[in-house]
Each structure stands twice: as structure tokens, then as C-alpha cells.
Amino acid sequence: MKKSHALMTIMGMAMALSDQNGIYNDTETVRKPLTKEQIEERKRLKQKAIENKRRENYGLTEYFYGENVIYARNKKNADRKARNKGYL
């Protein structure tokens, strides 16, 4: 190992172990445990983001039929899907 590598390693370890400006002792930075509702909300939002990304990757577009939503590549396919589901 070169001297410069050893020196940089030691400096990095020293910086990691030091408490600069008291950031580790500050009570505001301590995370509070999440409630069940917050956990469920995060899961729901994450799942929604995954579904939106998947639709975007497939090139799907939202089409609205009253209160119902159909995801399709074009209007013709959306109309066909809506007809099959009884929205039209």
C-alpha cells in the first residue's frame, strides 16, 4: 500500500469518527418511528409510482370513461377495452 493511500484511509476514518458541529448529538436529527398509517401510505405511494413507471415504459395512456379509467396505447384499443368492460 502506498503512503498516500494509507494516509487518506486514516484521514477518512478520523473524519468518520469525529463529531463535527455536534450533528450526531442533535435531537432534531433523530428519526422517530413511523406509525402504521405512515408505513401503509408510503407503501401505497411507492406501489403507485411503480405502476406509473411500468405504464410509461409500455407507452400506455390514460383514457377516462366517466369515473372509470382505461390504460391503453391508443384510443381505438381503449374504446375496445371499455366496450368489453361495459363502460360504453
N, C-alpha and C. Protein backbone atom coordinates (compact mmCIF):
# COMPACT_ATOMS: atom_id res chain seq x y z
N MET A 1 0.85 -1.16 0.00
CA MET A 1 0.00 0.00 0.00
C MET A 1 0.90 1.23 0.00
N LYS A 2 0.53 2.17 -0.83
CA LYS A 2 1.31 3.40 -0.89
C LYS A 2 1.04 4.26 0.33
N LYS A 3 1.96 5.14 0.60
CA LYS A 3 1.81 6.04 1.75
C LYS A 3 0.58 6.93 1.59
N SER A 4 0.33 7.39 0.37
CA SER A 4 -0.80 8.29 0.16
C SER A 4 -2.13 7.58 0.42
N HIS A 5 -2.22 6.30 0.04
CA HIS A 5 -3.44 5.53 0.29
C HIS A 5 -3.65 5.34 1.79
N ALA A 6 -2.58 5.01 2.48
CA ALA A 6 -2.68 4.80 3.93
C ALA A 6 -3.08 6.10 4.62
N LEU A 7 -2.49 7.20 4.20
CA LEU A 7 -2.79 8.49 4.81
C LEU A 7 -4.25 8.89 4.56
N MET A 8 -4.71 8.69 3.33
CA MET A 8 -6.10 9.03 3.02
C MET A 8 -7.07 8.13 3.79
N THR A 9 -6.72 6.87 3.97
CA THR A 9 -7.56 5.95 4.73
C THR A 9 -7.66 6.40 6.18
N ILE A 10 -6.54 6.74 6.76
CA ILE A 10 -6.53 7.19 8.15
C ILE A 10 -7.32 8.49 8.30
N MET A 11 -7.17 9.41 7.36
CA MET A 11 -7.90 10.66 7.42
C MET A 11 -9.41 10.41 7.29
N GLY A 12 -9.79 9.51 6.42
CA GLY A 12 -11.20 9.18 6.24
C GLY A 12 -11.79 8.56 7.50
N MET A 13 -11.04 7.68 8.14
CA MET A 13 -11.51 7.08 9.38
C MET A 13 -11.66 8.12 10.47
N ALA A 14 -10.71 9.02 10.55
CA ALA A 14 -10.76 10.06 11.58
C ALA A 14 -11.95 10.98 11.36
N MET A 15 -12.23 11.32 10.10
CA MET A 15 -13.37 12.19 9.81
C MET A 15 -14.69 11.49 10.12
N ALA A 16 -14.74 10.20 9.84
CA ALA A 16 -15.97 9.46 10.09
C ALA A 16 -16.26 9.34 11.58
N LEU A 17 -15.23 9.22 12.37
CA LEU A 17 -15.41 9.06 13.81
C LEU A 17 -15.58 10.38 14.55
N SER A 18 -15.22 11.49 13.91
CA SER A 18 -15.32 12.77 14.60
C SER A 18 -16.76 13.26 14.60
N ASP A 19 -17.10 14.08 15.57
CA ASP A 19 -18.44 14.65 15.69
C ASP A 19 -18.33 16.13 15.33
N GLN A 20 -18.47 16.44 14.06
CA GLN A 20 -18.32 17.81 13.61
C GLN A 20 -19.59 18.59 13.87
N ASN A 21 -19.46 19.68 14.56
CA ASN A 21 -20.57 20.59 14.86
C ASN A 21 -21.70 19.91 15.63
N GLY A 22 -21.44 18.82 16.29
CA GLY A 22 -22.45 18.17 17.11
C GLY A 22 -23.62 17.60 16.33
N ILE A 23 -23.42 17.19 15.08
CA ILE A 23 -24.54 16.72 14.27
C ILE A 23 -25.09 15.39 14.77
N TYR A 24 -24.27 14.59 15.43
CA TYR A 24 -24.75 13.31 15.90
C TYR A 24 -25.44 13.42 17.26
N ASN A 25 -25.25 14.51 17.96
CA ASN A 25 -25.87 14.68 19.26
C ASN A 25 -27.12 15.53 19.19
N ASP A 26 -27.44 16.05 18.04
CA ASP A 26 -28.61 16.92 17.89
C ASP A 26 -29.88 16.07 17.94
N THR A 27 -30.81 16.44 18.80
CA THR A 27 -32.03 15.65 18.95
C THR A 27 -32.98 15.83 17.77
N GLU A 28 -32.85 16.88 16.99
CA GLU A 28 -33.73 17.10 15.85
C GLU A 28 -33.46 16.13 14.72
N THR A 29 -32.24 15.61 14.64
CA THR A 29 -31.91 14.72 13.54
C THR A 29 -32.26 13.27 13.85
N VAL A 30 -32.70 12.98 15.05
CA VAL A 30 -33.06 11.62 15.41
C VAL A 30 -34.42 11.30 14.80
N ARG A 31 -34.49 10.19 14.10
CA ARG A 31 -35.74 9.79 13.46
C ARG A 31 -36.68 9.19 14.48
N LYS A 32 -37.94 9.54 14.33
CA LYS A 32 -38.96 8.96 15.18
C LYS A 32 -39.57 7.78 14.43
N PRO A 33 -39.97 6.75 15.14
CA PRO A 33 -40.57 5.60 14.45
C PRO A 33 -41.86 5.99 13.74
N LEU A 34 -42.07 5.38 12.59
CA LEU A 34 -43.27 5.67 11.80
C LEU A 34 -44.47 4.92 12.35
N THR A 35 -45.63 5.52 12.21
CA THR A 35 -46.86 4.84 12.61
C THR A 35 -47.27 3.88 11.50
N LYS A 36 -48.21 3.00 11.81
CA LYS A 36 -48.68 2.03 10.82
C LYS A 36 -49.31 2.73 9.63
N GLU A 37 -50.02 3.84 9.90
CA GLU A 37 -50.66 4.58 8.81
C GLU A 37 -49.62 5.18 7.87
N GLN A 38 -48.54 5.72 8.45
CA GLN A 38 -47.49 6.31 7.62
C GLN A 38 -46.80 5.24 6.79
N ILE A 39 -46.58 4.07 7.37
CA ILE A 39 -45.94 2.97 6.64
C ILE A 39 -46.83 2.53 5.48
N GLU A 40 -48.13 2.38 5.75
CA GLU A 40 -49.07 1.97 4.69
C GLU A 40 -49.13 3.02 3.59
N GLU A 41 -49.12 4.30 3.97
CA GLU A 41 -49.16 5.39 2.98
C GLU A 41 -47.92 5.35 2.09
N ARG A 42 -46.76 5.13 2.70
CA ARG A 42 -45.52 5.06 1.91
C ARG A 42 -45.55 3.87 0.97
N LYS A 43 -46.04 2.72 1.45
CA LYS A 43 -46.13 1.55 0.59
C LYS A 43 -47.06 1.81 -0.59
N ARG A 44 -48.20 2.46 -0.30
CA ARG A 44 -49.18 2.75 -1.36
C ARG A 44 -48.59 3.68 -2.41
N LEU A 45 -47.90 4.74 -1.95
CA LEU A 45 -47.30 5.69 -2.89
C LEU A 45 -46.20 5.04 -3.71
N LYS A 46 -45.41 4.18 -3.07
CA LYS A 46 -44.34 3.50 -3.79
C LYS A 46 -44.91 2.57 -4.85
N GLN A 47 -45.96 1.83 -4.49
CA GLN A 47 -46.59 0.93 -5.45
C GLN A 47 -47.20 1.70 -6.62
N LYS A 48 -47.82 2.86 -6.32
CA LYS A 48 -48.40 3.69 -7.37
C LYS A 48 -47.32 4.20 -8.32
N ALA A 49 -46.18 4.60 -7.78
CA ALA A 49 -45.07 5.08 -8.61
C ALA A 49 -44.54 3.96 -9.50
N ILE A 50 -44.48 2.75 -8.96
CA ILE A 50 -44.01 1.61 -9.75
C ILE A 50 -44.97 1.33 -10.89
N GLU A 51 -46.28 1.35 -10.60
CA GLU A 51 -47.28 1.11 -11.65
C GLU A 51 -47.23 2.19 -12.72
N ASN A 52 -47.08 3.45 -12.32
CA ASN A 52 -46.99 4.54 -13.29
C ASN A 52 -45.77 4.38 -14.17
N LYS A 53 -44.64 4.00 -13.59
CA LYS A 53 -43.41 3.81 -14.36
C LYS A 53 -43.57 2.66 -15.34
N ARG A 54 -44.22 1.59 -14.91
CA ARG A 54 -44.44 0.43 -15.78
C ARG A 54 -45.32 0.83 -16.96
N ARG A 55 -46.40 1.59 -16.69
CA ARG A 55 -47.27 2.05 -17.77
C ARG A 55 -46.52 2.95 -18.73
N GLU A 56 -45.68 3.81 -18.17
CA GLU A 56 -44.91 4.73 -19.01
C GLU A 56 -43.95 3.95 -19.90
N ASN A 57 -43.34 2.90 -19.37
CA ASN A 57 -42.41 2.09 -20.15
C ASN A 57 -43.11 1.35 -21.28
N TYR A 58 -44.36 0.95 -21.08
CA TYR A 58 -45.12 0.27 -22.12
C TYR A 58 -45.78 1.25 -23.08
N GLY A 59 -45.71 2.54 -22.81
CA GLY A 59 -46.30 3.53 -23.68
C GLY A 59 -47.81 3.64 -23.54
N LEU A 60 -48.34 3.34 -22.37
CA LEU A 60 -49.78 3.38 -22.16
C LEU A 60 -50.22 4.78 -21.77
N THR A 61 -51.44 5.11 -22.16
CA THR A 61 -52.02 6.42 -21.88
C THR A 61 -53.33 6.21 -21.14
N GLU A 62 -53.68 7.16 -20.28
CA GLU A 62 -54.94 7.10 -19.54
C GLU A 62 -56.08 7.61 -20.41
N TYR A 63 -57.17 6.86 -20.44
CA TYR A 63 -58.39 7.29 -21.10
C TYR A 63 -59.51 7.16 -20.08
N PHE A 64 -60.32 8.21 -19.97
CA PHE A 64 -61.38 8.24 -18.98
C PHE A 64 -62.74 7.98 -19.63
N TYR A 65 -63.50 7.10 -19.00
CA TYR A 65 -64.86 6.79 -19.43
C TYR A 65 -65.74 7.00 -18.20
N GLY A 66 -66.23 8.22 -18.04
CA GLY A 66 -66.98 8.56 -16.83
C GLY A 66 -66.01 8.60 -15.65
N GLU A 67 -66.30 7.79 -14.64
CA GLU A 67 -65.41 7.69 -13.49
C GLU A 67 -64.36 6.61 -13.66
N ASN A 68 -64.46 5.83 -14.71
CA ASN A 68 -63.56 4.71 -14.94
C ASN A 68 -62.36 5.14 -15.78
N VAL A 69 -61.24 4.46 -15.55
CA VAL A 69 -60.00 4.76 -16.26
C VAL A 69 -59.55 3.51 -16.98
N ILE A 70 -59.16 3.68 -18.23
CA ILE A 70 -58.60 2.60 -19.04
C ILE A 70 -57.20 3.02 -19.46
N TYR A 71 -56.25 2.10 -19.38
CA TYR A 71 -54.88 2.35 -19.85
C TYR A 71 -54.68 1.57 -21.13
N ALA A 72 -54.35 2.28 -22.20
CA ALA A 72 -54.16 1.65 -23.50
C ALA A 72 -53.15 2.45 -24.30
N ARG A 73 -52.68 1.83 -25.40
CA ARG A 73 -51.69 2.51 -26.24
C ARG A 73 -52.32 3.58 -27.11
N ASN A 74 -53.55 3.34 -27.55
CA ASN A 74 -54.22 4.35 -28.38
C ASN A 74 -55.72 4.33 -28.11
N LYS A 75 -56.41 5.28 -28.71
CA LYS A 75 -57.85 5.47 -28.45
C LYS A 75 -58.67 4.27 -28.92
N LYS A 76 -58.28 3.69 -30.03
CA LYS A 76 -59.02 2.54 -30.56
C LYS A 76 -58.98 1.37 -29.58
N ASN A 77 -57.81 1.07 -29.05
CA ASN A 77 -57.69 -0.02 -28.08
C ASN A 77 -58.42 0.32 -26.78
N ALA A 78 -58.39 1.58 -26.38
CA ALA A 78 -59.09 2.00 -25.16
C ALA A 78 -60.59 1.82 -25.34
N ASP A 79 -61.11 2.20 -26.51
CA ASP A 79 -62.54 2.02 -26.77
C ASP A 79 -62.92 0.54 -26.73
N ARG A 80 -62.09 -0.32 -27.31
CA ARG A 80 -62.37 -1.75 -27.32
C ARG A 80 -62.38 -2.31 -25.89
N LYS A 81 -61.39 -1.91 -25.07
CA LYS A 81 -61.33 -2.38 -23.69
C LYS A 81 -62.53 -1.88 -22.89
N ALA A 82 -62.92 -0.62 -23.11
CA ALA A 82 -64.07 -0.05 -22.40
C ALA A 82 -65.36 -0.78 -22.79
N ARG A 83 -65.49 -1.10 -24.07
CA ARG A 83 -66.67 -1.83 -24.53
C ARG A 83 -66.75 -3.21 -23.89
N ASN A 84 -65.58 -3.88 -23.79
CA ASN A 84 -65.55 -5.22 -23.19
C ASN A 84 -65.88 -5.17 -21.70
N LYS A 85 -65.50 -4.11 -21.02
CA LYS A 85 -65.78 -3.97 -19.59
C LYS A 85 -67.16 -3.36 -19.32
N GLY A 86 -67.83 -2.92 -20.38
CA GLY A 86 -69.17 -2.38 -20.24
C GLY A 86 -69.21 -0.92 -19.83
N TYR A 87 -68.14 -0.17 -20.07
CA TYR A 87 -68.12 1.24 -19.73
C TYR A 87 -68.80 2.08 -20.81
N LEU A 88 -68.88 1.57 -22.03
CA LEU A 88 -69.55 2.31 -23.12
C LEU A 88 -70.96 1.81 -23.33
